[in-house]
Structure formats: C-alpha cells, structure tokens
C-alpha cells in the first residue's frame, strides 16, 4: 500500500490531476479483493501473495486522493474540517 500510495502521490504532483488515481485505484482494489475470494486450500503461495499485492496496490493508489482534493480546493482555514469529514465518511 505505501509504495503505491507514494507512486500515486508523485503522479499527482507531476501531472496535477488527482482524478485518474481516484478512479483507477478502486478498480484495481476490487479486482484484487475479488481474486482473494477465490482462495482455496490448494491455492499456491505465489497466487495469494499476488492477489494481496494487487488489492494493496488498489487501496494504496486511492487512499490519499480524497485528502489531496480537500487540500487543493479548500482554503487553509477549512482544510482541517474538510479532512476530518473525508476521514469520517
């Protein structure tokens, strides 16, 4: 998660657009989590580790995007309120 969160943060900093990671992250996360539901006793270690990496990548990519959007659009005096509301929801 932390690696992909950092990659997404660098991407947003370079491009200025936080929408692509916001949309791409949940898609990757859903794919990874749905693959985790297929685990059985005969699933190999390589498979479940790959599924976990995929799910973690999706969550990591999308995790911080709401906070970045709040810090971008709200004035400094309202940033703490906006951040707490995003965390609450």
C-alpha atoms as a PDB file:
ATOM      1  CA  UNK A   1       0.000   0.000   0.000  1.00  0.00           C
ATOM      2  CA  UNK A   2       2.634   2.511   0.993  1.00  0.00           C
ATOM      3  CA  UNK A   3       4.677   2.012  -2.166  1.00  0.00           C
ATOM      4  CA  UNK A   4       1.695   2.510  -4.453  1.00  0.00           C
ATOM      5  CA  UNK A   5       0.447   5.411  -2.345  1.00  0.00           C
ATOM      6  CA  UNK A   6       3.817   7.117  -2.847  1.00  0.00           C
ATOM      7  CA  UNK A   7       3.741   6.387  -6.584  1.00  0.00           C
ATOM      8  CA  UNK A   8       0.244   7.867  -6.846  1.00  0.00           C
ATOM      9  CA  UNK A   9       1.351  10.915  -4.851  1.00  0.00           C
ATOM     10  CA  UNK A  10       4.293  11.523  -7.167  1.00  0.00           C
ATOM     11  CA  UNK A  11       1.997  11.067 -10.165  1.00  0.00           C
ATOM     12  CA  UNK A  12      -0.475  13.630  -8.831  1.00  0.00           C
ATOM     13  CA  UNK A  13       2.339  16.053  -8.044  1.00  0.00           C
ATOM     14  CA  UNK A  14       3.831  15.735 -11.533  1.00  0.00           C
ATOM     15  CA  UNK A  15       0.570  15.889 -13.505  1.00  0.00           C
ATOM     16  CA  UNK A  16      -1.650  17.967 -11.238  1.00  0.00           C
ATOM     17  CA  UNK A  17      -4.561  15.586 -11.780  1.00  0.00           C
ATOM     18  CA  UNK A  18      -5.848  13.506  -8.880  1.00  0.00           C
ATOM     19  CA  UNK A  19      -8.834  12.028 -10.731  1.00  0.00           C
ATOM     20  CA  UNK A  20      -7.014   9.189 -12.579  1.00  0.00           C
ATOM     21  CA  UNK A  21      -5.656   7.564  -9.387  1.00  0.00           C
ATOM     22  CA  UNK A  22      -9.007   8.155  -7.699  1.00  0.00           C
ATOM     23  CA  UNK A  23     -10.743   6.168 -10.433  1.00  0.00           C
ATOM     24  CA  UNK A  24      -8.022   3.597 -11.126  1.00  0.00           C
ATOM     25  CA  UNK A  25      -7.320   2.643  -7.504  1.00  0.00           C
ATOM     26  CA  UNK A  26     -10.747   1.232  -6.635  1.00  0.00           C
ATOM     27  CA  UNK A  27     -10.859  -0.736  -9.881  1.00  0.00           C
ATOM     28  CA  UNK A  28      -7.519  -2.391  -9.123  1.00  0.00           C
ATOM     29  CA  UNK A  29      -8.559  -2.907  -5.489  1.00  0.00           C
ATOM     30  CA  UNK A  30     -11.845  -4.561  -6.481  1.00  0.00           C
ATOM     31  CA  UNK A  31     -10.047  -6.898  -8.864  1.00  0.00           C
ATOM     32  CA  UNK A  32      -7.532  -7.849  -6.164  1.00  0.00           C
ATOM     33  CA  UNK A  33     -10.180  -8.347  -3.473  1.00  0.00           C
ATOM     34  CA  UNK A  34     -12.369 -10.403  -5.790  1.00  0.00           C
ATOM     35  CA  UNK A  35      -9.371 -12.584  -6.605  1.00  0.00           C
ATOM     36  CA  UNK A  36      -8.858 -13.091  -2.859  1.00  0.00           C
ATOM     37  CA  UNK A  37     -12.355 -14.602  -2.645  1.00  0.00           C
ATOM     38  CA  UNK A  38     -11.197 -17.430  -4.935  1.00  0.00           C
ATOM     39  CA  UNK A  39      -8.618 -18.723  -2.442  1.00  0.00           C
ATOM     40  CA  UNK A  40      -8.828 -22.401  -1.559  1.00  0.00           C
ATOM     41  CA  UNK A  41      -6.642 -24.881   0.286  1.00  0.00           C
ATOM     42  CA  UNK A  42      -4.855 -25.692  -2.961  1.00  0.00           C
ATOM     43  CA  UNK A  43      -4.027 -22.064  -3.849  1.00  0.00           C
ATOM     44  CA  UNK A  44      -0.306 -21.594  -4.281  1.00  0.00           C
ATOM     45  CA  UNK A  45       1.670 -19.100  -2.265  1.00  0.00           C
ATOM     46  CA  UNK A  46       2.548 -17.140  -5.405  1.00  0.00           C
ATOM     47  CA  UNK A  47      -1.155 -16.713  -6.209  1.00  0.00           C
ATOM     48  CA  UNK A  48      -2.300 -15.404  -2.830  1.00  0.00           C
ATOM     49  CA  UNK A  49       0.690 -13.103  -2.484  1.00  0.00           C
ATOM     50  CA  UNK A  50      -0.034 -11.714  -5.948  1.00  0.00           C
ATOM     51  CA  UNK A  51      -3.701 -11.203  -5.063  1.00  0.00           C
ATOM     52  CA  UNK A  52      -2.739  -9.383  -1.866  1.00  0.00           C
ATOM     53  CA  UNK A  53      -0.289  -7.155  -3.732  1.00  0.00           C
ATOM     54  CA  UNK A  54      -2.989  -6.330  -6.289  1.00  0.00           C
ATOM     55  CA  UNK A  55      -5.548  -5.489  -3.587  1.00  0.00           C
ATOM     56  CA  UNK A  56      -2.989  -3.441  -1.627  1.00  0.00           C
ATOM     57  CA  UNK A  57      -1.953  -1.574  -4.767  1.00  0.00           C
ATOM     58  CA  UNK A  58      -5.537  -0.534  -5.429  1.00  0.00           C
ATOM     59  CA  UNK A  59      -6.097   0.657  -1.885  1.00  0.00           C
ATOM     60  CA  UNK A  60      -2.724   2.414  -1.813  1.00  0.00           C
ATOM     61  CA  UNK A  61      -3.365   4.251  -5.070  1.00  0.00           C
ATOM     62  CA  UNK A  62      -6.766   5.574  -3.986  1.00  0.00           C
ATOM     63  CA  UNK A  63      -6.173   6.028  -0.263  1.00  0.00           C
ATOM     64  CA  UNK A  64      -4.822   9.587  -0.133  1.00  0.00           C
ATOM     65  CA  UNK A  65      -6.643  11.108  -3.094  1.00  0.00           C
ATOM     66  CA  UNK A  66      -9.559  12.477  -1.070  1.00  0.00           C
ATOM     67  CA  UNK A  67      -7.168  14.323   1.217  1.00  0.00           C
ATOM     68  CA  UNK A  68      -5.262  15.750  -1.733  1.00  0.00           C
ATOM     69  CA  UNK A  69      -8.513  17.022  -3.242  1.00  0.00           C
ATOM     70  CA  UNK A  70      -9.508  18.686   0.032  1.00  0.00           C
ATOM     71  CA  UNK A  71      -6.135  20.388   0.379  1.00  0.00           C
ATOM     72  CA  UNK A  72      -6.317  21.564  -3.227  1.00  0.00           C
ATOM     73  CA  UNK A  73      -9.777  23.088  -3.242  1.00  0.00           C
ATOM     74  CA  UNK A  74     -10.497  24.317   0.273  1.00  0.00           C
ATOM     75  CA  UNK A  75      -8.938  27.417   1.819  1.00  0.00           C
ATOM     76  CA  UNK A  76      -6.374  26.794   4.547  1.00  0.00           C
ATOM     77  CA  UNK A  77      -8.822  27.772   7.294  1.00  0.00           C
ATOM     78  CA  UNK A  78     -11.251  24.988   6.250  1.00  0.00           C
ATOM     79  CA  UNK A  79      -8.755  22.256   5.383  1.00  0.00           C
ATOM     80  CA  UNK A  80      -8.866  20.602   8.811  1.00  0.00           C
ATOM     81  CA  UNK A  81     -12.676  20.452   8.787  1.00  0.00           C
ATOM     82  CA  UNK A  82     -12.714  19.043   5.242  1.00  0.00           C
ATOM     83  CA  UNK A  83     -10.060  16.466   6.078  1.00  0.00           C
ATOM     84  CA  UNK A  84     -11.949  15.293   9.154  1.00  0.00           C
ATOM     85  CA  UNK A  85     -15.161  14.977   7.119  1.00  0.00           C
ATOM     86  CA  UNK A  86     -13.391  12.857   4.498  1.00  0.00           C
ATOM     87  CA  UNK A  87     -11.955  10.673   7.254  1.00  0.00           C
ATOM     88  CA  UNK A  88     -15.377  10.380   8.889  1.00  0.00           C
ATOM     89  CA  UNK A  89     -17.099   9.306   5.696  1.00  0.00           C
END
